[in-house]
N, C-alpha and C. Protein backbone atom coordinates (compact mmCIF):
# COMPACT_ATOMS: atom_id res chain seq x y z
N MET A 1 -1.83 -21.61 -8.14
CA MET A 1 -3.14 -21.37 -7.62
C MET A 1 -3.69 -20.07 -8.10
N PRO A 2 -4.82 -20.02 -8.77
CA PRO A 2 -5.50 -18.74 -9.19
C PRO A 2 -5.84 -17.93 -7.94
N TYR A 3 -5.89 -16.59 -8.15
CA TYR A 3 -6.23 -15.67 -7.07
C TYR A 3 -7.64 -15.14 -7.18
N SER A 4 -8.44 -15.38 -6.17
CA SER A 4 -9.79 -14.87 -6.14
C SER A 4 -9.86 -13.46 -5.46
N LEU A 5 -8.88 -13.08 -4.66
CA LEU A 5 -8.92 -11.91 -3.95
C LEU A 5 -7.52 -11.19 -4.09
N ALA A 6 -7.58 -9.94 -4.40
CA ALA A 6 -6.43 -9.08 -4.45
C ALA A 6 -6.52 -7.90 -3.46
N ILE A 7 -5.71 -7.86 -2.47
CA ILE A 7 -5.69 -6.91 -1.45
C ILE A 7 -4.72 -5.80 -1.74
N PHE A 8 -5.21 -4.55 -2.02
CA PHE A 8 -4.26 -3.56 -2.41
C PHE A 8 -3.95 -2.53 -1.34
N ASP A 9 -2.69 -2.09 -1.32
CA ASP A 9 -2.24 -0.92 -0.60
C ASP A 9 -2.66 0.32 -1.38
N LEU A 10 -2.75 1.45 -0.84
CA LEU A 10 -3.11 2.67 -1.59
C LEU A 10 -1.98 3.51 -1.97
N ASP A 11 -1.32 4.18 -0.95
CA ASP A 11 -0.20 5.15 -1.19
C ASP A 11 0.99 4.45 -1.78
N GLY A 12 1.40 4.99 -2.99
CA GLY A 12 2.64 4.34 -3.59
C GLY A 12 2.34 3.11 -4.44
N THR A 13 1.08 2.64 -4.30
CA THR A 13 0.74 1.46 -5.14
C THR A 13 -0.31 1.90 -6.13
N LEU A 14 -1.47 2.42 -5.65
CA LEU A 14 -2.54 2.94 -6.61
C LEU A 14 -2.41 4.43 -6.67
N ALA A 15 -2.02 5.11 -5.63
CA ALA A 15 -2.04 6.61 -5.61
C ALA A 15 -0.60 7.15 -5.58
N ASP A 16 -0.35 8.17 -6.39
CA ASP A 16 0.94 8.74 -6.52
C ASP A 16 1.05 9.85 -5.42
N SER A 17 1.22 9.39 -4.23
CA SER A 17 1.18 10.34 -3.04
C SER A 17 2.45 10.74 -2.51
N PHE A 18 3.60 10.21 -3.04
CA PHE A 18 4.86 10.56 -2.45
C PHE A 18 5.26 11.98 -2.64
N PRO A 19 5.02 12.64 -3.89
CA PRO A 19 5.29 14.05 -4.03
C PRO A 19 4.65 14.93 -3.03
N TRP A 20 3.39 14.61 -2.67
CA TRP A 20 2.64 15.37 -1.73
C TRP A 20 3.32 15.15 -0.28
N PHE A 21 3.62 13.87 0.02
CA PHE A 21 4.24 13.57 1.35
C PHE A 21 5.55 14.35 1.44
N ARG A 22 6.34 14.35 0.37
CA ARG A 22 7.68 14.92 0.44
C ARG A 22 7.53 16.45 0.72
N ARG A 23 6.47 17.04 0.11
CA ARG A 23 6.27 18.52 0.35
C ARG A 23 5.93 18.94 1.81
N HIS A 24 5.43 17.97 2.52
CA HIS A 24 4.79 18.25 3.90
C HIS A 24 5.57 17.57 4.94
N VAL A 25 6.39 16.55 4.69
CA VAL A 25 7.01 15.76 5.72
C VAL A 25 7.80 16.50 6.70
N ASN A 26 8.54 17.62 6.26
CA ASN A 26 9.41 18.32 7.25
C ASN A 26 8.59 19.25 8.17
N ASP A 27 7.46 19.72 7.64
CA ASP A 27 6.59 20.49 8.56
C ASP A 27 6.01 19.53 9.59
N VAL A 28 5.68 18.31 9.24
CA VAL A 28 5.21 17.39 10.24
C VAL A 28 6.34 16.99 11.19
N ALA A 29 7.47 16.86 10.69
CA ALA A 29 8.66 16.57 11.56
C ALA A 29 8.82 17.66 12.58
N ASP A 30 8.72 18.93 12.18
CA ASP A 30 8.87 20.03 13.15
C ASP A 30 7.75 20.01 14.14
N ARG A 31 6.59 19.71 13.75
CA ARG A 31 5.37 19.71 14.67
C ARG A 31 5.42 18.60 15.67
N PHE A 32 6.03 17.42 15.28
CA PHE A 32 6.07 16.25 16.20
C PHE A 32 7.46 15.96 16.68
N LYS A 33 8.48 16.79 16.39
CA LYS A 33 9.70 16.78 16.97
C LYS A 33 10.44 15.50 16.61
N PHE A 34 10.47 15.18 15.32
CA PHE A 34 11.32 14.12 14.83
C PHE A 34 12.27 14.71 13.82
N ARG A 35 13.23 13.87 13.34
CA ARG A 35 14.24 14.39 12.38
C ARG A 35 13.67 14.65 10.97
N ARG A 36 14.14 15.88 10.52
CA ARG A 36 13.71 16.25 9.14
C ARG A 36 14.27 15.35 8.08
N VAL A 37 13.70 15.22 6.96
CA VAL A 37 14.17 14.37 5.91
C VAL A 37 14.80 15.17 4.84
N ALA A 38 16.13 15.06 4.73
CA ALA A 38 16.97 15.72 3.68
C ALA A 38 16.82 15.02 2.38
N ASP A 39 17.03 15.71 1.32
CA ASP A 39 17.10 15.14 0.00
C ASP A 39 17.99 13.94 0.00
N ASP A 40 19.08 14.01 0.63
CA ASP A 40 20.19 12.96 0.64
C ASP A 40 19.70 11.72 1.41
N ASP A 41 18.63 11.89 2.23
CA ASP A 41 18.20 10.69 2.99
C ASP A 41 17.30 9.83 2.25
N ILE A 42 16.68 10.33 1.13
CA ILE A 42 15.61 9.54 0.54
C ILE A 42 16.11 8.28 0.01
N GLU A 43 17.28 8.13 -0.72
CA GLU A 43 17.73 6.88 -1.15
C GLU A 43 18.03 5.89 -0.10
N THR A 44 18.54 6.33 0.99
CA THR A 44 18.86 5.43 2.10
C THR A 44 17.54 4.86 2.64
N LEU A 45 16.52 5.71 2.83
CA LEU A 45 15.24 5.32 3.35
C LEU A 45 14.56 4.32 2.47
N ARG A 46 14.71 4.49 1.12
CA ARG A 46 14.05 3.63 0.09
C ARG A 46 14.62 2.16 0.26
N HIS A 47 15.79 2.00 0.83
CA HIS A 47 16.31 0.66 1.01
C HIS A 47 16.18 0.08 2.43
N ALA A 48 15.39 0.76 3.28
CA ALA A 48 15.32 0.40 4.65
C ALA A 48 13.88 -0.12 4.95
N GLY A 49 13.79 -0.91 5.97
CA GLY A 49 12.50 -1.41 6.51
C GLY A 49 11.89 -0.36 7.41
N SER A 50 10.72 -0.60 7.90
CA SER A 50 9.97 0.34 8.61
C SER A 50 10.69 0.68 9.91
N ARG A 51 11.22 -0.31 10.63
CA ARG A 51 11.85 -0.11 11.87
C ARG A 51 13.15 0.71 11.69
N GLU A 52 13.86 0.46 10.64
CA GLU A 52 15.05 1.25 10.31
C GLU A 52 14.69 2.71 9.91
N ILE A 53 13.55 2.96 9.28
CA ILE A 53 13.16 4.24 8.91
C ILE A 53 12.80 5.05 10.18
N LEU A 54 12.03 4.43 11.08
CA LEU A 54 11.66 5.03 12.31
C LEU A 54 12.93 5.41 13.16
N ALA A 55 13.90 4.56 13.17
CA ALA A 55 15.11 4.81 13.92
C ALA A 55 15.92 5.90 13.25
N HIS A 56 15.98 5.93 12.00
CA HIS A 56 16.70 7.01 11.27
C HIS A 56 16.04 8.32 11.46
N LEU A 57 14.77 8.35 11.59
CA LEU A 57 14.11 9.65 11.76
C LEU A 57 13.89 9.98 13.18
N GLU A 58 14.33 9.14 14.14
CA GLU A 58 14.26 9.29 15.49
C GLU A 58 12.73 9.59 15.92
N VAL A 59 11.83 8.79 15.39
CA VAL A 59 10.36 8.83 15.70
C VAL A 59 10.08 7.93 16.89
N SER A 60 9.54 8.38 17.90
CA SER A 60 9.13 7.64 19.03
C SER A 60 7.86 6.74 18.63
N ARG A 61 7.83 5.54 19.02
CA ARG A 61 6.71 4.68 18.59
C ARG A 61 5.42 5.14 19.16
N TRP A 62 5.42 5.77 20.33
CA TRP A 62 4.16 6.28 20.97
C TRP A 62 3.61 7.46 20.29
N LYS A 63 4.41 8.13 19.44
CA LYS A 63 3.85 9.27 18.72
C LYS A 63 3.17 8.78 17.32
N LEU A 64 3.41 7.62 16.94
CA LEU A 64 2.89 7.23 15.59
C LEU A 64 1.41 7.39 15.40
N PRO A 65 0.54 7.01 16.38
CA PRO A 65 -0.86 7.27 16.19
C PRO A 65 -1.25 8.74 16.02
N ARG A 66 -0.58 9.53 16.78
CA ARG A 66 -0.92 10.98 16.66
C ARG A 66 -0.47 11.52 15.27
N ILE A 67 0.79 11.10 14.81
CA ILE A 67 1.26 11.59 13.54
C ILE A 67 0.35 11.05 12.47
N ALA A 68 -0.06 9.82 12.56
CA ALA A 68 -0.97 9.28 11.44
C ALA A 68 -2.25 9.91 11.34
N ARG A 69 -2.88 10.23 12.55
CA ARG A 69 -4.13 11.04 12.53
C ARG A 69 -3.95 12.42 11.89
N TYR A 70 -2.91 13.08 12.19
CA TYR A 70 -2.63 14.41 11.65
C TYR A 70 -2.41 14.34 10.19
N MET A 71 -1.67 13.33 9.68
CA MET A 71 -1.41 13.25 8.26
C MET A 71 -2.68 12.91 7.52
N ARG A 72 -3.55 12.16 8.06
CA ARG A 72 -4.91 11.82 7.41
C ARG A 72 -5.70 13.03 7.24
N ARG A 73 -5.76 13.92 8.36
CA ARG A 73 -6.53 15.15 8.26
C ARG A 73 -5.92 16.12 7.28
N LEU A 74 -4.56 16.23 7.27
CA LEU A 74 -3.89 17.03 6.31
C LEU A 74 -4.16 16.63 4.80
N LYS A 75 -4.08 15.32 4.57
CA LYS A 75 -4.34 14.83 3.30
C LYS A 75 -5.76 15.12 2.91
N ALA A 76 -6.77 14.96 3.81
CA ALA A 76 -8.09 15.21 3.51
C ALA A 76 -8.27 16.61 2.95
N GLU A 77 -7.59 17.57 3.52
CA GLU A 77 -7.67 18.94 3.17
C GLU A 77 -7.10 19.20 1.79
N GLN A 78 -6.14 18.37 1.39
CA GLN A 78 -5.39 18.62 0.18
C GLN A 78 -5.45 17.40 -0.81
N ILE A 79 -6.55 16.76 -0.74
CA ILE A 79 -6.66 15.54 -1.59
C ILE A 79 -6.58 15.73 -3.08
N ALA A 80 -7.00 16.95 -3.44
CA ALA A 80 -6.89 17.39 -4.88
C ALA A 80 -5.50 17.38 -5.45
N GLU A 81 -4.46 17.41 -4.56
CA GLU A 81 -3.09 17.48 -5.04
C GLU A 81 -2.56 16.03 -5.40
N ILE A 82 -3.33 15.03 -5.05
CA ILE A 82 -2.97 13.66 -5.32
C ILE A 82 -3.80 13.04 -6.36
N ALA A 83 -3.20 12.13 -7.12
CA ALA A 83 -4.06 11.39 -8.13
C ALA A 83 -3.57 9.99 -8.20
N LEU A 84 -4.48 9.18 -8.79
CA LEU A 84 -4.06 7.76 -9.06
C LEU A 84 -2.92 7.65 -10.08
N PHE A 85 -2.09 6.66 -9.95
CA PHE A 85 -1.10 6.42 -11.06
C PHE A 85 -1.79 6.10 -12.34
N GLU A 86 -1.17 6.58 -13.40
CA GLU A 86 -1.70 6.26 -14.75
C GLU A 86 -1.94 4.80 -14.98
N GLY A 87 -3.06 4.38 -15.40
CA GLY A 87 -3.30 2.96 -15.61
C GLY A 87 -3.98 2.21 -14.49
N ALA A 88 -4.01 2.81 -13.17
CA ALA A 88 -4.59 2.13 -12.10
C ALA A 88 -6.05 1.83 -12.25
N GLU A 89 -6.74 2.68 -12.76
CA GLU A 89 -8.26 2.50 -12.92
C GLU A 89 -8.47 1.34 -13.92
N MET A 90 -7.75 1.42 -15.03
CA MET A 90 -7.89 0.39 -16.13
C MET A 90 -7.54 -1.06 -15.48
N MET A 91 -6.45 -1.06 -14.74
CA MET A 91 -6.03 -2.33 -14.12
C MET A 91 -7.04 -2.90 -13.20
N LEU A 92 -7.66 -2.01 -12.27
CA LEU A 92 -8.62 -2.42 -11.40
C LEU A 92 -9.93 -2.98 -12.05
N ARG A 93 -10.28 -2.26 -13.10
CA ARG A 93 -11.45 -2.74 -13.78
C ARG A 93 -11.21 -4.01 -14.49
N ALA A 94 -10.06 -4.21 -15.05
CA ALA A 94 -9.75 -5.53 -15.68
C ALA A 94 -9.75 -6.69 -14.71
N LEU A 95 -9.21 -6.51 -13.48
CA LEU A 95 -9.25 -7.54 -12.47
C LEU A 95 -10.73 -7.83 -12.11
N ALA A 96 -11.50 -6.81 -11.82
CA ALA A 96 -12.90 -6.97 -11.42
C ALA A 96 -13.75 -7.70 -12.52
N GLU A 97 -13.48 -7.28 -13.76
CA GLU A 97 -14.21 -7.95 -14.89
C GLU A 97 -13.82 -9.41 -15.11
N ASN A 98 -12.67 -9.80 -14.55
CA ASN A 98 -12.28 -11.20 -14.74
C ASN A 98 -12.40 -11.99 -13.41
N GLY A 99 -13.24 -11.48 -12.61
CA GLY A 99 -13.65 -12.25 -11.44
C GLY A 99 -12.77 -12.22 -10.15
N VAL A 100 -11.88 -11.27 -10.21
CA VAL A 100 -10.98 -11.10 -8.99
C VAL A 100 -11.59 -10.05 -8.11
N ARG A 101 -11.95 -10.46 -6.85
CA ARG A 101 -12.48 -9.52 -5.88
C ARG A 101 -11.39 -8.55 -5.33
N LEU A 102 -11.72 -7.38 -5.10
CA LEU A 102 -10.70 -6.41 -4.65
C LEU A 102 -11.03 -5.86 -3.23
N ALA A 103 -9.96 -5.72 -2.47
CA ALA A 103 -10.03 -5.20 -1.16
C ALA A 103 -8.92 -4.12 -1.02
N LEU A 104 -9.14 -3.21 -0.06
CA LEU A 104 -8.05 -2.19 0.14
C LEU A 104 -7.71 -2.18 1.61
N VAL A 105 -6.46 -2.34 1.89
CA VAL A 105 -5.93 -2.17 3.35
C VAL A 105 -4.95 -0.97 3.34
N SER A 106 -5.21 0.04 4.05
CA SER A 106 -4.39 1.13 3.94
C SER A 106 -4.15 1.86 5.34
N SER A 107 -3.09 2.57 5.34
CA SER A 107 -2.87 3.39 6.61
C SER A 107 -3.66 4.70 6.54
N ASP A 108 -4.22 5.02 5.36
CA ASP A 108 -5.02 6.24 5.22
C ASP A 108 -6.40 5.94 5.73
N SER A 109 -7.23 6.94 5.75
CA SER A 109 -8.66 6.80 6.14
C SER A 109 -9.46 6.30 5.03
N GLU A 110 -10.56 5.62 5.27
CA GLU A 110 -11.43 5.19 4.24
C GLU A 110 -12.00 6.32 3.40
N ALA A 111 -12.33 7.44 4.08
CA ALA A 111 -12.92 8.51 3.35
C ALA A 111 -11.81 9.09 2.36
N ASN A 112 -10.59 9.22 2.70
CA ASN A 112 -9.57 9.70 1.78
C ASN A 112 -9.45 8.65 0.63
N ALA A 113 -9.40 7.31 1.04
CA ALA A 113 -9.20 6.37 -0.03
C ALA A 113 -10.31 6.37 -1.07
N ARG A 114 -11.58 6.48 -0.58
CA ARG A 114 -12.68 6.54 -1.55
C ARG A 114 -12.65 7.78 -2.48
N ARG A 115 -12.24 8.89 -1.95
CA ARG A 115 -12.07 10.10 -2.70
C ARG A 115 -11.02 10.04 -3.71
N LEU A 116 -9.90 9.38 -3.31
CA LEU A 116 -8.86 9.21 -4.39
C LEU A 116 -9.23 8.10 -5.45
N LEU A 117 -9.95 7.10 -4.99
CA LEU A 117 -10.31 6.08 -5.96
C LEU A 117 -11.43 6.56 -6.90
N GLY A 118 -12.22 7.49 -6.51
CA GLY A 118 -13.37 7.92 -7.25
C GLY A 118 -14.33 6.79 -7.57
N GLU A 119 -14.71 6.73 -8.82
CA GLU A 119 -15.76 5.76 -9.30
C GLU A 119 -15.18 4.32 -9.06
N THR A 120 -13.93 4.13 -9.08
CA THR A 120 -13.35 2.80 -9.02
C THR A 120 -13.48 2.25 -7.54
N ALA A 121 -13.87 3.14 -6.62
CA ALA A 121 -14.13 2.62 -5.24
C ALA A 121 -15.23 1.56 -5.18
N ALA A 122 -16.08 1.71 -6.10
CA ALA A 122 -17.30 0.79 -6.13
C ALA A 122 -16.82 -0.59 -6.63
N LEU A 123 -15.65 -0.79 -7.09
CA LEU A 123 -15.11 -2.12 -7.51
C LEU A 123 -14.63 -2.85 -6.25
N PHE A 124 -14.45 -2.19 -5.20
CA PHE A 124 -13.86 -2.83 -3.96
C PHE A 124 -15.01 -3.39 -3.08
N SER A 125 -14.87 -4.62 -2.64
CA SER A 125 -15.84 -5.24 -1.76
C SER A 125 -15.47 -5.09 -0.32
N HIS A 126 -14.28 -4.66 -0.04
CA HIS A 126 -13.86 -4.59 1.34
C HIS A 126 -12.90 -3.48 1.51
N PHE A 127 -13.06 -2.61 2.50
CA PHE A 127 -12.19 -1.54 2.88
C PHE A 127 -11.78 -1.74 4.37
N ASP A 128 -10.52 -1.71 4.66
CA ASP A 128 -10.01 -1.81 6.04
C ASP A 128 -8.91 -0.85 6.19
N CYS A 129 -9.21 0.37 6.71
CA CYS A 129 -8.22 1.47 6.61
C CYS A 129 -7.76 1.88 8.08
N ALA A 130 -6.95 2.97 8.04
CA ALA A 130 -6.34 3.42 9.34
C ALA A 130 -5.44 2.33 9.97
N ALA A 131 -4.73 1.56 9.11
CA ALA A 131 -3.87 0.49 9.58
C ALA A 131 -2.69 1.21 10.22
N SER A 132 -2.27 0.55 11.33
CA SER A 132 -1.00 1.10 12.04
C SER A 132 0.15 0.65 11.11
N ILE A 133 1.32 1.23 11.42
CA ILE A 133 2.52 0.89 10.54
C ILE A 133 2.88 -0.59 10.56
N PHE A 134 2.57 -1.22 11.65
CA PHE A 134 2.83 -2.70 11.79
C PHE A 134 1.61 -3.56 11.88
N GLY A 135 0.43 -2.99 11.53
CA GLY A 135 -0.90 -3.59 11.72
C GLY A 135 -1.57 -4.22 10.52
N LYS A 136 -0.80 -4.26 9.45
CA LYS A 136 -1.47 -4.75 8.15
C LYS A 136 -1.77 -6.24 8.18
N ALA A 137 -0.96 -6.99 8.80
CA ALA A 137 -1.16 -8.50 8.76
C ALA A 137 -2.50 -8.89 9.42
N ALA A 138 -2.85 -8.22 10.49
CA ALA A 138 -4.14 -8.42 11.12
C ALA A 138 -5.32 -8.05 10.18
N LYS A 139 -5.14 -6.97 9.53
CA LYS A 139 -6.13 -6.44 8.61
C LYS A 139 -6.27 -7.39 7.35
N PHE A 140 -5.14 -7.90 6.89
CA PHE A 140 -5.14 -8.99 5.82
C PHE A 140 -6.09 -10.17 6.27
N ARG A 141 -5.75 -10.64 7.49
CA ARG A 141 -6.53 -11.78 7.93
C ARG A 141 -7.99 -11.44 8.15
N ARG A 142 -8.36 -10.20 8.55
CA ARG A 142 -9.76 -9.85 8.68
C ARG A 142 -10.44 -9.71 7.33
N ALA A 143 -9.66 -9.36 6.24
CA ALA A 143 -10.19 -9.40 4.91
C ALA A 143 -10.52 -10.79 4.47
N LEU A 144 -9.71 -11.73 4.82
CA LEU A 144 -10.03 -13.15 4.48
C LEU A 144 -11.24 -13.63 5.19
N ARG A 145 -11.44 -13.27 6.44
CA ARG A 145 -12.59 -13.65 7.19
C ARG A 145 -13.82 -13.06 6.61
N ARG A 146 -13.80 -11.77 6.27
CA ARG A 146 -15.03 -11.11 5.80
C ARG A 146 -15.41 -11.46 4.39
N THR A 147 -14.35 -11.83 3.55
CA THR A 147 -14.71 -12.14 2.20
C THR A 147 -14.94 -13.63 2.02
N GLY A 148 -14.53 -14.43 3.06
CA GLY A 148 -14.65 -15.88 2.91
C GLY A 148 -13.66 -16.55 1.99
N ILE A 149 -12.61 -15.88 1.55
CA ILE A 149 -11.73 -16.40 0.56
C ILE A 149 -10.45 -16.79 1.36
N SER A 150 -9.94 -17.99 0.89
CA SER A 150 -8.84 -18.63 1.68
C SER A 150 -7.58 -17.81 1.38
N ALA A 151 -6.58 -18.00 2.31
CA ALA A 151 -5.30 -17.31 2.17
C ALA A 151 -4.54 -17.85 0.87
N ALA A 152 -4.76 -19.10 0.54
CA ALA A 152 -4.09 -19.66 -0.64
C ALA A 152 -4.60 -18.98 -1.96
N ARG A 153 -5.76 -18.36 -1.92
CA ARG A 153 -6.29 -17.74 -3.15
C ARG A 153 -6.26 -16.27 -3.01
N THR A 154 -5.32 -15.72 -2.26
CA THR A 154 -5.25 -14.29 -1.98
C THR A 154 -3.89 -13.83 -2.21
N ILE A 155 -3.79 -12.56 -2.82
CA ILE A 155 -2.55 -11.91 -2.90
C ILE A 155 -2.65 -10.46 -2.49
N ALA A 156 -1.66 -10.03 -1.73
CA ALA A 156 -1.66 -8.64 -1.25
C ALA A 156 -0.59 -7.90 -2.04
N ILE A 157 -0.90 -6.74 -2.53
CA ILE A 157 -0.03 -5.93 -3.47
C ILE A 157 0.26 -4.62 -2.82
N GLY A 158 1.48 -4.36 -2.71
CA GLY A 158 2.01 -3.09 -2.14
C GLY A 158 3.36 -2.61 -2.62
N ASP A 159 3.80 -1.53 -2.05
CA ASP A 159 5.06 -0.92 -2.60
C ASP A 159 6.12 -0.74 -1.49
N GLU A 160 5.88 -1.36 -0.33
CA GLU A 160 6.79 -1.13 0.85
C GLU A 160 7.24 -2.53 1.39
N VAL A 161 8.39 -2.46 2.05
CA VAL A 161 8.82 -3.67 2.74
C VAL A 161 7.81 -4.20 3.69
N ARG A 162 7.18 -3.31 4.35
CA ARG A 162 6.21 -3.77 5.39
C ARG A 162 5.04 -4.47 4.82
N ASP A 163 4.70 -4.19 3.57
CA ASP A 163 3.60 -4.87 2.85
C ASP A 163 3.93 -6.35 2.66
N ILE A 164 5.20 -6.58 2.27
CA ILE A 164 5.66 -7.93 2.08
C ILE A 164 5.71 -8.73 3.44
N GLU A 165 6.23 -8.03 4.42
CA GLU A 165 6.37 -8.65 5.68
C GLU A 165 4.94 -9.02 6.26
N ALA A 166 3.91 -8.14 6.15
CA ALA A 166 2.56 -8.32 6.59
C ALA A 166 1.99 -9.49 5.76
N ALA A 167 2.19 -9.58 4.52
CA ALA A 167 1.59 -10.67 3.69
C ALA A 167 2.26 -12.01 4.19
N HIS A 168 3.50 -12.06 4.35
CA HIS A 168 4.11 -13.29 4.86
C HIS A 168 3.53 -13.69 6.21
N ALA A 169 3.37 -12.72 7.07
CA ALA A 169 2.81 -13.03 8.43
C ALA A 169 1.38 -13.55 8.36
N ALA A 170 0.66 -12.99 7.40
CA ALA A 170 -0.78 -13.44 7.30
C ALA A 170 -0.89 -14.68 6.40
N GLY A 171 0.10 -15.17 5.79
CA GLY A 171 0.05 -16.43 5.05
C GLY A 171 -0.46 -16.25 3.71
N VAL A 172 -0.44 -15.03 3.11
CA VAL A 172 -0.96 -14.84 1.75
C VAL A 172 0.21 -14.50 0.85
N ALA A 173 -0.02 -14.62 -0.40
CA ALA A 173 0.99 -14.24 -1.43
C ALA A 173 1.17 -12.80 -1.46
N CYS A 174 2.25 -12.39 -1.99
CA CYS A 174 2.64 -10.92 -2.06
C CYS A 174 3.11 -10.58 -3.39
N GLY A 175 2.55 -9.44 -3.90
CA GLY A 175 3.04 -8.82 -5.07
C GLY A 175 3.61 -7.48 -4.73
N ALA A 176 4.82 -7.17 -5.26
CA ALA A 176 5.53 -5.86 -4.92
C ALA A 176 5.59 -5.06 -6.14
N VAL A 177 5.16 -3.84 -6.09
CA VAL A 177 5.29 -2.90 -7.23
C VAL A 177 6.57 -2.01 -7.07
N THR A 178 7.18 -1.81 -8.17
CA THR A 178 8.47 -1.09 -8.17
C THR A 178 8.42 0.36 -8.37
N TRP A 179 7.22 0.93 -8.54
CA TRP A 179 7.11 2.37 -8.79
C TRP A 179 6.71 3.12 -7.60
N GLY A 180 6.68 2.54 -6.44
CA GLY A 180 6.35 3.16 -5.15
C GLY A 180 7.58 3.65 -4.43
N PHE A 181 7.49 3.60 -3.09
CA PHE A 181 8.62 4.21 -2.29
C PHE A 181 9.81 3.29 -2.24
N ALA A 182 9.63 2.02 -1.92
CA ALA A 182 10.81 1.18 -1.59
C ALA A 182 11.54 0.91 -2.92
N ALA A 183 12.92 0.76 -2.76
CA ALA A 183 13.76 0.45 -3.87
C ALA A 183 13.55 -1.08 -4.25
N ARG A 184 13.72 -1.25 -5.61
CA ARG A 184 13.54 -2.66 -6.11
C ARG A 184 14.32 -3.57 -5.35
N GLN A 185 15.62 -3.31 -5.07
CA GLN A 185 16.53 -4.33 -4.44
C GLN A 185 16.00 -4.58 -3.00
N ALA A 186 15.43 -3.61 -2.29
CA ALA A 186 14.86 -3.78 -0.92
C ALA A 186 13.71 -4.76 -1.02
N LEU A 187 12.85 -4.56 -2.01
CA LEU A 187 11.70 -5.45 -2.17
C LEU A 187 12.20 -6.88 -2.50
N GLN A 188 13.06 -7.01 -3.43
CA GLN A 188 13.55 -8.32 -3.80
C GLN A 188 14.10 -9.12 -2.63
N ALA A 189 14.81 -8.39 -1.79
CA ALA A 189 15.47 -9.07 -0.65
C ALA A 189 14.45 -9.68 0.31
N ARG A 190 13.21 -9.18 0.26
CA ARG A 190 12.22 -9.81 1.12
C ARG A 190 11.39 -10.97 0.40
N ARG A 191 11.79 -11.29 -0.77
CA ARG A 191 11.22 -12.38 -1.50
C ARG A 191 9.73 -12.40 -1.73
N PRO A 192 9.20 -11.36 -2.40
CA PRO A 192 7.80 -11.38 -2.78
C PRO A 192 7.58 -12.47 -3.80
N ASP A 193 6.34 -12.87 -3.89
CA ASP A 193 5.95 -13.94 -4.82
C ASP A 193 5.95 -13.49 -6.27
N LEU A 194 5.52 -12.23 -6.44
CA LEU A 194 5.53 -11.56 -7.70
C LEU A 194 6.11 -10.15 -7.63
N MET A 195 6.70 -9.69 -8.73
CA MET A 195 7.05 -8.30 -8.73
C MET A 195 6.56 -7.65 -10.06
N PHE A 196 6.07 -6.42 -9.95
CA PHE A 196 5.46 -5.69 -11.08
C PHE A 196 6.15 -4.46 -11.33
N ASP A 197 6.63 -4.28 -12.53
CA ASP A 197 7.43 -3.13 -12.98
C ASP A 197 6.53 -2.07 -13.63
N GLN A 198 5.29 -2.50 -14.12
CA GLN A 198 4.37 -1.57 -14.75
C GLN A 198 2.97 -1.90 -14.21
N MET A 199 2.07 -0.93 -14.22
CA MET A 199 0.75 -1.10 -13.69
C MET A 199 -0.01 -2.27 -14.49
N ASP A 200 0.08 -2.26 -15.72
CA ASP A 200 -0.66 -3.31 -16.53
C ASP A 200 -0.09 -4.68 -16.27
N ASP A 201 1.15 -4.82 -15.63
CA ASP A 201 1.66 -6.10 -15.37
C ASP A 201 0.78 -6.79 -14.32
N ILE A 202 0.13 -6.09 -13.49
CA ILE A 202 -0.73 -6.67 -12.38
C ILE A 202 -1.84 -7.48 -13.00
N ALA A 203 -2.61 -6.76 -13.87
CA ALA A 203 -3.84 -7.46 -14.44
C ALA A 203 -3.38 -8.61 -15.35
N ARG A 204 -2.36 -8.32 -16.11
CA ARG A 204 -1.88 -9.29 -17.00
C ARG A 204 -1.38 -10.56 -16.33
N SER A 205 -0.68 -10.46 -15.22
CA SER A 205 -0.17 -11.62 -14.51
C SER A 205 -1.23 -12.40 -13.82
N LEU A 206 -2.12 -11.60 -13.09
CA LEU A 206 -3.16 -12.30 -12.34
C LEU A 206 -4.14 -12.95 -13.12
N ILE A 207 -4.58 -12.26 -14.22
CA ILE A 207 -5.59 -12.82 -15.14
C ILE A 207 -5.02 -14.05 -15.86
N ALA A 208 -3.77 -14.03 -16.29
CA ALA A 208 -3.20 -15.15 -16.89
C ALA A 208 -3.09 -16.40 -15.96
N ASN A 209 -2.70 -16.01 -14.75
CA ASN A 209 -2.53 -17.04 -13.71
C ASN A 209 -3.93 -17.73 -13.45
N ASN A 210 -4.93 -16.97 -13.41
CA ASN A 210 -6.29 -17.45 -13.18
C ASN A 210 -6.73 -18.36 -14.33
N ARG A 211 -6.35 -18.06 -15.51
CA ARG A 211 -6.82 -18.79 -16.66
C ARG A 211 -6.02 -20.16 -16.72
N THR A 212 -4.82 -20.12 -16.40
CA THR A 212 -4.00 -21.35 -16.38
C THR A 212 -4.19 -22.26 -15.12
N GLY A 213 -4.63 -21.51 -14.05
CA GLY A 213 -4.89 -22.27 -12.77
C GLY A 213 -6.17 -22.97 -12.68
């Protein structure tokens, strides 16, 4: 089935934000009284799902909205420290030029997302931001309603286990990128429909699929 809509995650998928996150996460941990992230923890967390990560860091679920709001404000102040991954802009333009509509569903704010995307923000027909850690499936469904595109013709593309889980819950295909936070093995275990090892794999795969579909 050709894809008419690609719903993208931002952090770890289009934007190389993990180095920024790593620099600040322990200050945030101290502020909100959860476990600090040691260098030795990173590989373990890359193989874990969201619930396991929260349990490992001893983060109370009721604190998550406050932590998310603080992180969005902090990122807004330091957005110049973060850039898109190399090739992201070219990939997005290739999809748009070949008739694939673009949407963005992110835990970040829309303002931060637009600043990071720069001119390529104009390629997106739908933004749905400030997603909770377990709230992406509902936002995927809303993207389908607002664009009028069926689940069968939609793919959600992200870098975390929760992105795959949300896509499955929403009944849309899932593409997992391997250059973000989650380890390749952790992504494979959740059975995404497609896996991408390089940025240009996304446009090449989706455009080829549309031509043959």
